[in-house]
Amino acid sequence: MMNIWTFANGVTGSRIILSPVFIVCFLWGGPAGKTAAFLIACLFEITDMVDGYIARSRKEVSDVGKLLDPFADSISRFSVFLCLLAEEYVPVWMVALVFYRDALVSYLRVGAATYAVIMSARASGKVKAVVQGFGTVMITFLIACREHGWVSWDIHQVAYWAMAVITVITLWSAIDYLYGFSMIVSQNGKASDS
C-alpha cells in the first residue's frame, strides 16, 4: 500500500493544521495577532505553491495528495474569509458565493467520476487560486499594518473591492467548471454504474 505520510502531503496538510491557528491569531487581535495571521496567510500560499513541486521532485505524487491539496486550499482560504466576515471587512454574500463555488466543483468532480473521468484542475481554477491567494495576503497585510498604525486610511473599502474581484473570478471559474462537466457528459453519454 502506498505510504500517504509523505513529506509533500505533510506540506499540504500543514495548511489544514494552521487554519484554526490563523483564526485564533486573527480574532485574538492586536498588532501581534494580526501580524501572526498575516504570516500564516503567507504560509498558506507558499505551501500551496511548493507542495506540488515537492511531490514531483521526490516522486511522491499520489491520489491522496491530489485530493488533499484542493481540500487544504478550501479550508485555509475559508478560514481567512470567515475571519474577514467576522470583523465585517467583507459582506456575507460574497463569502457565500465563494463557498457555493467550491461546493459545486466538489459535486461536479463526483459527477465526473460516475463517468469514470477524473475532472482535473482547469485553467480558471488556477487563476481563481492565484487571485484568492493574492487577495487574502494583501488584505491581511493591510489589516496588520493598520493595527500597527502604519496606515491611517480605512481598510474596509480596500477589502470590499478586493473581495469583489475575488468573487467575480470565482464565479467565472464556477461557470467554466460547469462547462467542463457538460462536455464530459456530452462526450461520455450514460454514466457508469460501476
N, C-alpha and C. Protein backbone atom coordinates (compact mmCIF):
# COMPACT_ATOMS: atom_id res chain seq x y z
N MET A 1 0.85 -1.19 0.00
CA MET A 1 0.00 0.00 0.00
C MET A 1 0.88 1.24 0.00
N MET A 2 0.51 2.23 -0.81
CA MET A 2 1.30 3.46 -0.91
C MET A 2 1.26 4.22 0.41
N ASN A 3 2.43 4.70 0.81
CA ASN A 3 2.53 5.48 2.03
C ASN A 3 1.95 6.88 1.81
N ILE A 4 0.90 7.21 2.57
CA ILE A 4 0.30 8.54 2.42
C ILE A 4 1.02 9.57 3.29
N TRP A 5 1.84 9.09 4.21
CA TRP A 5 2.54 10.01 5.11
C TRP A 5 3.85 10.45 4.47
N THR A 6 3.72 11.20 3.39
CA THR A 6 4.89 11.69 2.68
C THR A 6 5.17 13.14 3.08
N PHE A 7 6.37 13.59 2.77
CA PHE A 7 6.74 14.97 3.08
C PHE A 7 5.83 15.94 2.33
N ALA A 8 5.58 15.63 1.05
CA ALA A 8 4.72 16.50 0.23
C ALA A 8 3.32 16.62 0.83
N ASN A 9 2.74 15.49 1.25
CA ASN A 9 1.41 15.53 1.87
C ASN A 9 1.45 16.26 3.21
N GLY A 10 2.59 16.17 3.89
CA GLY A 10 2.74 16.91 5.14
C GLY A 10 2.73 18.41 4.92
N VAL A 11 3.40 18.84 3.84
CA VAL A 11 3.40 20.27 3.49
C VAL A 11 1.98 20.71 3.18
N THR A 12 1.26 19.89 2.40
CA THR A 12 -0.13 20.22 2.08
C THR A 12 -0.99 20.24 3.33
N GLY A 13 -0.83 19.22 4.16
CA GLY A 13 -1.63 19.11 5.38
C GLY A 13 -1.37 20.22 6.38
N SER A 14 -0.20 20.85 6.29
CA SER A 14 0.10 21.94 7.22
C SER A 14 -0.90 23.08 7.09
N ARG A 15 -1.47 23.26 5.90
CA ARG A 15 -2.47 24.31 5.71
C ARG A 15 -3.73 24.03 6.54
N ILE A 16 -4.09 22.76 6.62
CA ILE A 16 -5.25 22.38 7.42
C ILE A 16 -4.97 22.60 8.90
N ILE A 17 -3.78 22.20 9.34
CA ILE A 17 -3.40 22.34 10.75
C ILE A 17 -3.31 23.81 11.16
N LEU A 18 -2.78 24.64 10.25
CA LEU A 18 -2.59 26.06 10.56
C LEU A 18 -3.88 26.88 10.47
N SER A 19 -4.90 26.32 9.84
CA SER A 19 -6.15 27.09 9.65
C SER A 19 -6.78 27.54 10.97
N PRO A 20 -6.98 26.64 11.95
CA PRO A 20 -7.54 27.13 13.22
C PRO A 20 -6.58 28.06 13.96
N VAL A 21 -5.28 27.87 13.75
CA VAL A 21 -4.30 28.77 14.36
C VAL A 21 -4.47 30.18 13.79
N PHE A 22 -4.69 30.24 12.47
CA PHE A 22 -4.95 31.54 11.84
C PHE A 22 -6.15 32.22 12.47
N ILE A 23 -7.24 31.47 12.64
CA ILE A 23 -8.46 32.04 13.20
C ILE A 23 -8.21 32.60 14.59
N VAL A 24 -7.52 31.83 15.43
CA VAL A 24 -7.22 32.28 16.80
C VAL A 24 -6.39 33.56 16.77
N CYS A 25 -5.34 33.57 15.95
CA CYS A 25 -4.47 34.75 15.88
C CYS A 25 -5.22 35.97 15.37
N PHE A 26 -6.01 35.79 14.33
CA PHE A 26 -6.72 36.93 13.74
C PHE A 26 -7.74 37.50 14.72
N LEU A 27 -8.54 36.64 15.33
CA LEU A 27 -9.59 37.11 16.23
C LEU A 27 -9.04 37.55 17.58
N TRP A 28 -7.86 37.04 17.95
CA TRP A 28 -7.20 37.49 19.17
C TRP A 28 -6.89 38.98 19.05
N GLY A 29 -6.53 39.38 17.84
CA GLY A 29 -6.38 40.80 17.53
C GLY A 29 -5.10 41.41 18.03
N GLY A 30 -5.06 42.74 17.92
CA GLY A 30 -3.86 43.47 18.29
C GLY A 30 -2.80 43.32 17.23
N PRO A 31 -1.77 44.14 17.31
CA PRO A 31 -0.70 44.07 16.31
C PRO A 31 -0.06 42.68 16.20
N ALA A 32 0.19 42.04 17.34
CA ALA A 32 0.86 40.73 17.31
C ALA A 32 -0.03 39.67 16.66
N GLY A 33 -1.32 39.65 17.04
CA GLY A 33 -2.23 38.66 16.49
C GLY A 33 -2.46 38.83 15.01
N LYS A 34 -2.66 40.07 14.58
CA LYS A 34 -2.90 40.33 13.16
C LYS A 34 -1.64 40.08 12.33
N THR A 35 -0.48 40.38 12.88
CA THR A 35 0.77 40.10 12.16
C THR A 35 0.99 38.60 12.02
N ALA A 36 0.72 37.86 13.09
CA ALA A 36 0.84 36.40 13.03
C ALA A 36 -0.12 35.83 12.00
N ALA A 37 -1.35 36.37 11.96
CA ALA A 37 -2.33 35.91 10.98
C ALA A 37 -1.85 36.18 9.56
N PHE A 38 -1.27 37.35 9.34
CA PHE A 38 -0.72 37.67 8.01
C PHE A 38 0.39 36.68 7.62
N LEU A 39 1.28 36.38 8.55
CA LEU A 39 2.38 35.45 8.26
C LEU A 39 1.84 34.05 7.96
N ILE A 40 0.81 33.65 8.67
CA ILE A 40 0.20 32.34 8.39
C ILE A 40 -0.46 32.34 7.03
N ALA A 41 -1.12 33.45 6.66
CA ALA A 41 -1.72 33.56 5.33
C ALA A 41 -0.65 33.42 4.25
N CYS A 42 0.52 33.99 4.50
CA CYS A 42 1.64 33.83 3.56
C CYS A 42 2.07 32.37 3.48
N LEU A 43 2.12 31.68 4.63
CA LEU A 43 2.48 30.26 4.63
C LEU A 43 1.46 29.43 3.86
N PHE A 44 0.18 29.78 3.96
CA PHE A 44 -0.85 29.08 3.18
C PHE A 44 -0.47 29.10 1.69
N GLU A 45 -0.12 30.27 1.20
CA GLU A 45 0.14 30.42 -0.24
C GLU A 45 1.49 29.83 -0.64
N ILE A 46 2.48 29.95 0.22
CA ILE A 46 3.80 29.38 -0.08
C ILE A 46 3.70 27.86 -0.17
N THR A 47 3.04 27.25 0.81
CA THR A 47 2.92 25.79 0.79
C THR A 47 2.07 25.33 -0.39
N ASP A 48 1.08 26.14 -0.78
CA ASP A 48 0.27 25.79 -1.94
C ASP A 48 1.09 25.80 -3.23
N MET A 49 2.06 26.71 -3.29
CA MET A 49 2.91 26.80 -4.48
C MET A 49 3.95 25.69 -4.55
N VAL A 50 4.44 25.25 -3.40
CA VAL A 50 5.59 24.32 -3.42
C VAL A 50 5.22 22.86 -3.22
N ASP A 51 4.03 22.55 -2.70
CA ASP A 51 3.75 21.15 -2.40
C ASP A 51 3.72 20.26 -3.65
N GLY A 52 3.19 20.81 -4.75
CA GLY A 52 3.18 20.03 -5.99
C GLY A 52 4.58 19.79 -6.52
N TYR A 53 5.42 20.82 -6.45
CA TYR A 53 6.81 20.67 -6.89
C TYR A 53 7.55 19.65 -6.04
N ILE A 54 7.33 19.71 -4.73
CA ILE A 54 7.97 18.74 -3.82
C ILE A 54 7.52 17.32 -4.15
N ALA A 55 6.21 17.16 -4.38
CA ALA A 55 5.69 15.82 -4.69
C ALA A 55 6.30 15.27 -5.97
N ARG A 56 6.44 16.11 -7.00
CA ARG A 56 7.03 15.64 -8.25
C ARG A 56 8.52 15.36 -8.12
N SER A 57 9.23 16.26 -7.45
CA SER A 57 10.69 16.10 -7.34
C SER A 57 11.08 14.92 -6.47
N ARG A 58 10.25 14.60 -5.48
CA ARG A 58 10.54 13.46 -4.57
C ARG A 58 9.79 12.20 -4.98
N LYS A 59 9.10 12.28 -6.15
CA LYS A 59 8.31 11.14 -6.64
C LYS A 59 7.28 10.69 -5.60
N GLU A 60 6.60 11.68 -5.04
CA GLU A 60 5.59 11.41 -4.02
C GLU A 60 4.18 11.78 -4.50
N VAL A 61 4.02 11.92 -5.81
CA VAL A 61 2.70 12.23 -6.36
C VAL A 61 1.76 11.06 -6.07
N SER A 62 0.60 11.35 -5.51
CA SER A 62 -0.34 10.30 -5.14
C SER A 62 -1.77 10.79 -5.30
N ASP A 63 -2.71 9.85 -5.36
CA ASP A 63 -4.12 10.22 -5.42
C ASP A 63 -4.54 10.93 -4.15
N VAL A 64 -3.97 10.51 -3.02
CA VAL A 64 -4.28 11.17 -1.75
C VAL A 64 -3.86 12.63 -1.80
N GLY A 65 -2.68 12.89 -2.33
CA GLY A 65 -2.20 14.26 -2.44
C GLY A 65 -3.06 15.10 -3.36
N LYS A 66 -3.54 14.49 -4.44
CA LYS A 66 -4.39 15.22 -5.40
C LYS A 66 -5.72 15.60 -4.77
N LEU A 67 -6.20 14.77 -3.85
CA LEU A 67 -7.46 15.08 -3.14
C LEU A 67 -7.22 16.04 -1.98
N LEU A 68 -6.08 15.85 -1.31
CA LEU A 68 -5.77 16.65 -0.13
C LEU A 68 -5.51 18.11 -0.48
N ASP A 69 -4.87 18.36 -1.63
CA ASP A 69 -4.48 19.71 -1.99
C ASP A 69 -5.67 20.67 -2.12
N PRO A 70 -6.70 20.36 -2.93
CA PRO A 70 -7.84 21.29 -3.01
C PRO A 70 -8.60 21.40 -1.70
N PHE A 71 -8.62 20.32 -0.92
CA PHE A 71 -9.29 20.37 0.39
C PHE A 71 -8.55 21.33 1.32
N ALA A 72 -7.23 21.23 1.34
CA ALA A 72 -6.42 22.13 2.17
C ALA A 72 -6.57 23.58 1.72
N ASP A 73 -6.63 23.79 0.40
CA ASP A 73 -6.84 25.14 -0.13
C ASP A 73 -8.15 25.72 0.38
N SER A 74 -9.21 24.93 0.28
CA SER A 74 -10.53 25.41 0.70
C SER A 74 -10.57 25.72 2.19
N ILE A 75 -10.03 24.82 3.00
CA ILE A 75 -10.04 25.01 4.45
C ILE A 75 -9.26 26.27 4.84
N SER A 76 -8.07 26.43 4.27
CA SER A 76 -7.23 27.57 4.66
C SER A 76 -7.83 28.89 4.19
N ARG A 77 -8.29 28.94 2.95
CA ARG A 77 -8.82 30.21 2.46
C ARG A 77 -10.17 30.55 3.09
N PHE A 78 -10.98 29.54 3.37
CA PHE A 78 -12.24 29.82 4.05
C PHE A 78 -12.00 30.34 5.46
N SER A 79 -10.93 29.87 6.09
CA SER A 79 -10.59 30.38 7.42
C SER A 79 -10.33 31.88 7.35
N VAL A 80 -9.63 32.31 6.30
CA VAL A 80 -9.36 33.73 6.12
C VAL A 80 -10.65 34.48 5.84
N PHE A 81 -11.45 33.98 4.90
CA PHE A 81 -12.70 34.66 4.53
C PHE A 81 -13.65 34.78 5.72
N LEU A 82 -13.74 33.72 6.54
CA LEU A 82 -14.62 33.75 7.70
C LEU A 82 -14.18 34.79 8.71
N CYS A 83 -12.87 34.93 8.89
CA CYS A 83 -12.37 35.95 9.81
C CYS A 83 -12.64 37.35 9.28
N LEU A 84 -12.46 37.54 7.99
CA LEU A 84 -12.76 38.85 7.39
C LEU A 84 -14.25 39.16 7.53
N LEU A 85 -15.08 38.12 7.39
CA LEU A 85 -16.52 38.29 7.57
C LEU A 85 -16.84 38.62 9.02
N ALA A 86 -16.20 37.93 9.95
CA ALA A 86 -16.47 38.13 11.38
C ALA A 86 -16.18 39.56 11.82
N GLU A 87 -15.17 40.18 11.22
CA GLU A 87 -14.82 41.55 11.59
C GLU A 87 -15.35 42.57 10.56
N GLU A 88 -16.30 42.10 9.73
CA GLU A 88 -17.05 42.96 8.81
C GLU A 88 -16.18 43.68 7.79
N TYR A 89 -15.13 43.00 7.35
CA TYR A 89 -14.33 43.54 6.25
C TYR A 89 -14.95 43.20 4.90
N VAL A 90 -15.68 42.08 4.84
CA VAL A 90 -16.32 41.65 3.60
C VAL A 90 -17.76 41.24 3.89
N PRO A 91 -18.67 41.36 2.91
CA PRO A 91 -20.07 41.00 3.14
C PRO A 91 -20.30 39.50 3.03
N VAL A 92 -21.35 39.05 3.69
CA VAL A 92 -21.63 37.62 3.76
C VAL A 92 -21.94 37.04 2.38
N TRP A 93 -22.59 37.81 1.50
CA TRP A 93 -23.00 37.25 0.21
C TRP A 93 -21.78 36.90 -0.66
N MET A 94 -20.70 37.66 -0.53
CA MET A 94 -19.50 37.34 -1.30
C MET A 94 -18.87 36.03 -0.80
N VAL A 95 -18.77 35.92 0.53
CA VAL A 95 -18.20 34.70 1.11
C VAL A 95 -19.08 33.50 0.76
N ALA A 96 -20.40 33.70 0.78
CA ALA A 96 -21.32 32.61 0.44
C ALA A 96 -21.11 32.14 -1.00
N LEU A 97 -20.94 33.06 -1.94
CA LEU A 97 -20.73 32.69 -3.33
C LEU A 97 -19.43 31.91 -3.52
N VAL A 98 -18.40 32.31 -2.80
CA VAL A 98 -17.13 31.57 -2.87
C VAL A 98 -17.32 30.15 -2.33
N PHE A 99 -18.05 30.04 -1.24
CA PHE A 99 -18.34 28.73 -0.66
C PHE A 99 -19.16 27.87 -1.62
N TYR A 100 -20.19 28.47 -2.22
CA TYR A 100 -21.04 27.73 -3.15
C TYR A 100 -20.24 27.21 -4.34
N ARG A 101 -19.28 28.01 -4.80
CA ARG A 101 -18.47 27.58 -5.95
C ARG A 101 -17.67 26.34 -5.59
N ASP A 102 -17.04 26.35 -4.42
CA ASP A 102 -16.23 25.20 -4.02
C ASP A 102 -17.10 23.95 -3.83
N ALA A 103 -18.28 24.14 -3.25
CA ALA A 103 -19.20 23.02 -3.08
C ALA A 103 -19.64 22.48 -4.44
N LEU A 104 -19.92 23.38 -5.38
CA LEU A 104 -20.33 22.98 -6.73
C LEU A 104 -19.24 22.18 -7.42
N VAL A 105 -18.01 22.67 -7.37
CA VAL A 105 -16.90 21.98 -8.05
C VAL A 105 -16.68 20.60 -7.44
N SER A 106 -16.80 20.49 -6.12
CA SER A 106 -16.68 19.17 -5.47
C SER A 106 -17.75 18.23 -5.99
N TYR A 107 -18.97 18.74 -6.14
CA TYR A 107 -20.07 17.93 -6.65
C TYR A 107 -19.81 17.51 -8.10
N LEU A 108 -19.31 18.45 -8.91
CA LEU A 108 -19.03 18.14 -10.31
C LEU A 108 -17.94 17.10 -10.45
N ARG A 109 -16.94 17.13 -9.56
CA ARG A 109 -15.88 16.11 -9.59
C ARG A 109 -16.46 14.73 -9.31
N VAL A 110 -17.37 14.67 -8.34
CA VAL A 110 -18.03 13.40 -8.04
C VAL A 110 -18.88 12.97 -9.24
N GLY A 111 -19.58 13.93 -9.85
CA GLY A 111 -20.38 13.62 -11.03
C GLY A 111 -19.53 13.11 -12.17
N ALA A 112 -18.36 13.71 -12.37
CA ALA A 112 -17.47 13.25 -13.44
C ALA A 112 -16.99 11.83 -13.17
N ALA A 113 -16.79 11.51 -11.89
CA ALA A 113 -16.32 10.17 -11.53
C ALA A 113 -17.34 9.10 -11.91
N THR A 114 -18.63 9.45 -11.96
CA THR A 114 -19.64 8.48 -12.37
C THR A 114 -19.50 8.12 -13.84
N TYR A 115 -18.78 8.96 -14.59
CA TYR A 115 -18.47 8.66 -15.99
C TYR A 115 -17.06 8.10 -16.13
N ALA A 116 -16.47 7.70 -15.00
CA ALA A 116 -15.11 7.17 -14.96
C ALA A 116 -14.11 8.18 -15.52
N VAL A 117 -14.37 9.45 -15.24
CA VAL A 117 -13.49 10.53 -15.69
C VAL A 117 -13.02 11.32 -14.47
N ILE A 118 -11.72 11.56 -14.40
CA ILE A 118 -11.18 12.42 -13.35
C ILE A 118 -11.20 13.86 -13.86
N MET A 119 -11.95 14.71 -13.19
CA MET A 119 -12.05 16.11 -13.61
C MET A 119 -10.84 16.87 -13.05
N SER A 120 -9.87 17.09 -13.89
CA SER A 120 -8.64 17.74 -13.45
C SER A 120 -8.86 19.24 -13.29
N ALA A 121 -7.89 19.88 -12.65
CA ALA A 121 -7.98 21.33 -12.44
C ALA A 121 -7.98 22.05 -13.78
N ARG A 122 -8.85 23.02 -13.89
CA ARG A 122 -8.96 23.80 -15.11
C ARG A 122 -8.19 25.11 -14.94
N ALA A 123 -7.89 25.75 -16.06
CA ALA A 123 -7.13 27.00 -16.02
C ALA A 123 -7.83 28.04 -15.16
N SER A 124 -9.16 28.08 -15.24
CA SER A 124 -9.91 29.06 -14.45
C SER A 124 -9.74 28.82 -12.96
N GLY A 125 -9.61 27.55 -12.58
CA GLY A 125 -9.39 27.22 -11.17
C GLY A 125 -8.04 27.70 -10.69
N LYS A 126 -7.04 27.61 -11.56
CA LYS A 126 -5.70 28.08 -11.19
C LYS A 126 -5.67 29.61 -11.08
N VAL A 127 -6.36 30.28 -12.01
CA VAL A 127 -6.45 31.74 -11.93
C VAL A 127 -7.17 32.15 -10.65
N LYS A 128 -8.26 31.44 -10.35
CA LYS A 128 -9.02 31.71 -9.13
C LYS A 128 -8.15 31.58 -7.90
N ALA A 129 -7.33 30.52 -7.86
CA ALA A 129 -6.45 30.29 -6.71
C ALA A 129 -5.43 31.41 -6.55
N VAL A 130 -4.86 31.88 -7.66
CA VAL A 130 -3.88 32.97 -7.61
C VAL A 130 -4.54 34.25 -7.10
N VAL A 131 -5.72 34.56 -7.64
CA VAL A 131 -6.42 35.79 -7.25
C VAL A 131 -6.83 35.73 -5.77
N GLN A 132 -7.37 34.58 -5.34
CA GLN A 132 -7.75 34.44 -3.94
C GLN A 132 -6.53 34.54 -3.03
N GLY A 133 -5.45 33.88 -3.43
CA GLY A 133 -4.23 33.91 -2.62
C GLY A 133 -3.66 35.31 -2.49
N PHE A 134 -3.54 36.00 -3.62
CA PHE A 134 -3.02 37.36 -3.60
C PHE A 134 -3.93 38.28 -2.78
N GLY A 135 -5.24 38.12 -2.98
CA GLY A 135 -6.20 38.97 -2.27
C GLY A 135 -6.15 38.78 -0.76
N THR A 136 -6.11 37.53 -0.31
CA THR A 136 -6.11 37.28 1.14
C THR A 136 -4.81 37.77 1.78
N VAL A 137 -3.68 37.57 1.11
CA VAL A 137 -2.41 38.04 1.65
C VAL A 137 -2.39 39.57 1.72
N MET A 138 -2.86 40.21 0.66
CA MET A 138 -2.88 41.68 0.63
C MET A 138 -3.76 42.25 1.73
N ILE A 139 -4.96 41.70 1.87
CA ILE A 139 -5.89 42.22 2.87
C ILE A 139 -5.34 42.01 4.27
N THR A 140 -4.84 40.82 4.58
CA THR A 140 -4.31 40.58 5.93
C THR A 140 -3.08 41.43 6.21
N PHE A 141 -2.28 41.70 5.17
CA PHE A 141 -1.12 42.58 5.34
C PHE A 141 -1.58 44.00 5.71
N LEU A 142 -2.57 44.51 4.99
CA LEU A 142 -3.07 45.86 5.26
C LEU A 142 -3.70 45.95 6.65
N ILE A 143 -4.42 44.90 7.04
CA ILE A 143 -5.02 44.89 8.37
C ILE A 143 -3.93 44.92 9.44
N ALA A 144 -2.87 44.14 9.24
CA ALA A 144 -1.75 44.14 10.20
C ALA A 144 -1.09 45.51 10.26
N CYS A 145 -0.92 46.13 9.09
CA CYS A 145 -0.33 47.48 9.05
C CYS A 145 -1.21 48.48 9.79
N ARG A 146 -2.51 48.34 9.62
CA ARG A 146 -3.46 49.22 10.31
C ARG A 146 -3.34 49.05 11.82
N GLU A 147 -3.21 47.81 12.27
CA GLU A 147 -3.09 47.54 13.70
C GLU A 147 -1.82 48.16 14.27
N HIS A 148 -0.76 48.19 13.49
CA HIS A 148 0.49 48.79 13.93
C HIS A 148 0.49 50.31 13.82
N GLY A 149 -0.54 50.87 13.17
CA GLY A 149 -0.61 52.31 12.99
C GLY A 149 0.21 52.82 11.82
N TRP A 150 0.59 51.90 10.91
CA TRP A 150 1.42 52.29 9.76
C TRP A 150 0.59 52.89 8.63
N VAL A 151 -0.71 52.60 8.61
CA VAL A 151 -1.61 53.22 7.64
C VAL A 151 -2.79 53.80 8.41
N SER A 152 -3.30 54.91 7.92
CA SER A 152 -4.38 55.59 8.63
C SER A 152 -5.72 55.51 7.90
N TRP A 153 -5.70 55.06 6.64
CA TRP A 153 -6.94 55.04 5.88
C TRP A 153 -7.74 53.77 6.15
N ASP A 154 -9.00 53.83 5.75
CA ASP A 154 -9.95 52.75 6.04
C ASP A 154 -9.63 51.53 5.18
N ILE A 155 -9.33 50.42 5.83
CA ILE A 155 -9.01 49.17 5.13
C ILE A 155 -10.27 48.50 4.59
N HIS A 156 -11.42 48.81 5.18
CA HIS A 156 -12.66 48.11 4.82
C HIS A 156 -13.01 48.27 3.34
N GLN A 157 -12.82 49.47 2.79
CA GLN A 157 -13.14 49.68 1.38
C GLN A 157 -12.21 48.87 0.48
N VAL A 158 -10.93 48.84 0.82
CA VAL A 158 -9.97 48.05 0.04
C VAL A 158 -10.34 46.57 0.10
N ALA A 159 -10.66 46.10 1.30
CA ALA A 159 -11.03 44.69 1.47
C ALA A 159 -12.29 44.36 0.67
N TYR A 160 -13.26 45.28 0.69
CA TYR A 160 -14.51 45.05 -0.03
C TYR A 160 -14.26 44.88 -1.53
N TRP A 161 -13.49 45.80 -2.12
CA TRP A 161 -13.28 45.73 -3.56
C TRP A 161 -12.36 44.60 -3.96
N ALA A 162 -11.40 44.27 -3.09
CA ALA A 162 -10.55 43.10 -3.37
C ALA A 162 -11.40 41.83 -3.35
N MET A 163 -12.31 41.75 -2.38
CA MET A 163 -13.19 40.58 -2.29
C MET A 163 -14.16 40.56 -3.46
N ALA A 164 -14.56 41.72 -3.96
CA ALA A 164 -15.45 41.77 -5.12
C ALA A 164 -14.76 41.17 -6.34
N VAL A 165 -13.49 41.50 -6.53
CA VAL A 165 -12.73 40.92 -7.65
C VAL A 165 -12.60 39.41 -7.46
N ILE A 166 -12.29 38.99 -6.24
CA ILE A 166 -12.18 37.56 -5.93
C ILE A 166 -13.49 36.85 -6.27
N THR A 167 -14.62 37.46 -5.89
CA THR A 167 -15.93 36.85 -6.12
C THR A 167 -16.24 36.71 -7.60
N VAL A 168 -15.94 37.74 -8.39
CA VAL A 168 -16.19 37.69 -9.83
C VAL A 168 -15.37 36.58 -10.49
N ILE A 169 -14.08 36.51 -10.16
CA ILE A 169 -13.21 35.47 -10.72
C ILE A 169 -13.68 34.09 -10.29
N THR A 170 -14.11 33.98 -9.04
CA THR A 170 -14.59 32.70 -8.52
C THR A 170 -15.84 32.25 -9.25
N LEU A 171 -16.76 33.17 -9.53
CA LEU A 171 -17.98 32.83 -10.27
C LEU A 171 -17.66 32.43 -11.71
N TRP A 172 -16.72 33.13 -12.32
CA TRP A 172 -16.28 32.76 -13.67
C TRP A 172 -15.73 31.33 -13.67
N SER A 173 -14.96 30.99 -12.63
CA SER A 173 -14.42 29.64 -12.52
C SER A 173 -15.53 28.61 -12.38
N ALA A 174 -16.57 28.95 -11.60
CA ALA A 174 -17.70 28.03 -11.43
C ALA A 174 -18.37 27.75 -12.77
N ILE A 175 -18.58 28.79 -13.56
CA ILE A 175 -19.21 28.64 -14.89
C ILE A 175 -18.32 27.78 -15.80
N ASP A 176 -17.01 28.01 -15.72
CA ASP A 176 -16.08 27.24 -16.54
C ASP A 176 -16.10 25.76 -16.17
N TYR A 177 -16.18 25.46 -14.87
CA TYR A 177 -16.25 24.06 -14.45
C TYR A 177 -17.57 23.42 -14.86
N LEU A 178 -18.65 24.20 -14.82
CA LEU A 178 -19.93 23.68 -15.31
C LEU A 178 -19.84 23.34 -16.79
N TYR A 179 -19.17 24.20 -17.55
CA TYR A 179 -18.97 23.93 -18.98
C TYR A 179 -18.13 22.66 -19.16
N GLY A 180 -17.06 22.54 -18.39
CA GLY A 180 -16.22 21.34 -18.48
C GLY A 180 -16.99 20.08 -18.17
N PHE A 181 -17.86 20.15 -17.16
CA PHE A 181 -18.66 18.98 -16.80
C PHE A 181 -19.66 18.65 -17.90
N SER A 182 -20.25 19.69 -18.50
CA SER A 182 -21.20 19.44 -19.58
C SER A 182 -20.52 18.75 -20.76
N MET A 183 -19.25 19.08 -21.02
CA MET A 183 -18.50 18.42 -22.09
C MET A 183 -18.24 16.96 -21.75
N ILE A 184 -17.97 16.68 -20.49
CA ILE A 184 -17.77 15.29 -20.06
C ILE A 184 -19.04 14.48 -20.29
N VAL A 185 -20.18 15.07 -19.93
CA VAL A 185 -21.47 14.38 -20.11
C VAL A 185 -21.75 14.13 -21.58
N SER A 186 -21.54 15.15 -22.41
CA SER A 186 -21.85 15.01 -23.84
C SER A 186 -20.92 14.02 -24.54
N GLN A 187 -19.68 13.90 -24.06
CA GLN A 187 -18.71 13.03 -24.71
C GLN A 187 -18.79 11.59 -24.21
N ASN A 188 -19.37 11.38 -23.02
CA ASN A 188 -19.36 10.05 -22.43
C ASN A 188 -20.73 9.39 -22.32
N GLY A 189 -21.78 10.16 -22.63
CA GLY A 189 -23.11 9.56 -22.64
C GLY A 189 -23.57 9.12 -21.27
N LYS A 190 -24.09 7.91 -21.19
CA LYS A 190 -24.67 7.39 -19.94
C LYS A 190 -23.61 7.21 -18.90
N ALA A 191 -23.93 7.57 -17.65
CA ALA A 191 -23.00 7.42 -16.55
C ALA A 191 -22.73 5.95 -16.26
N SER A 192 -21.51 5.68 -15.78
CA SER A 192 -21.13 4.31 -15.45
C SER A 192 -21.79 3.89 -14.16
N ASP A 193 -22.22 2.62 -14.10
CA ASP A 193 -22.83 2.07 -12.88
C ASP A 193 -21.79 1.51 -11.94
N SER A 194 -20.55 1.42 -12.39
CA SER A 194 -19.53 0.80 -11.57
C SER A 194 -18.93 1.80 -10.59
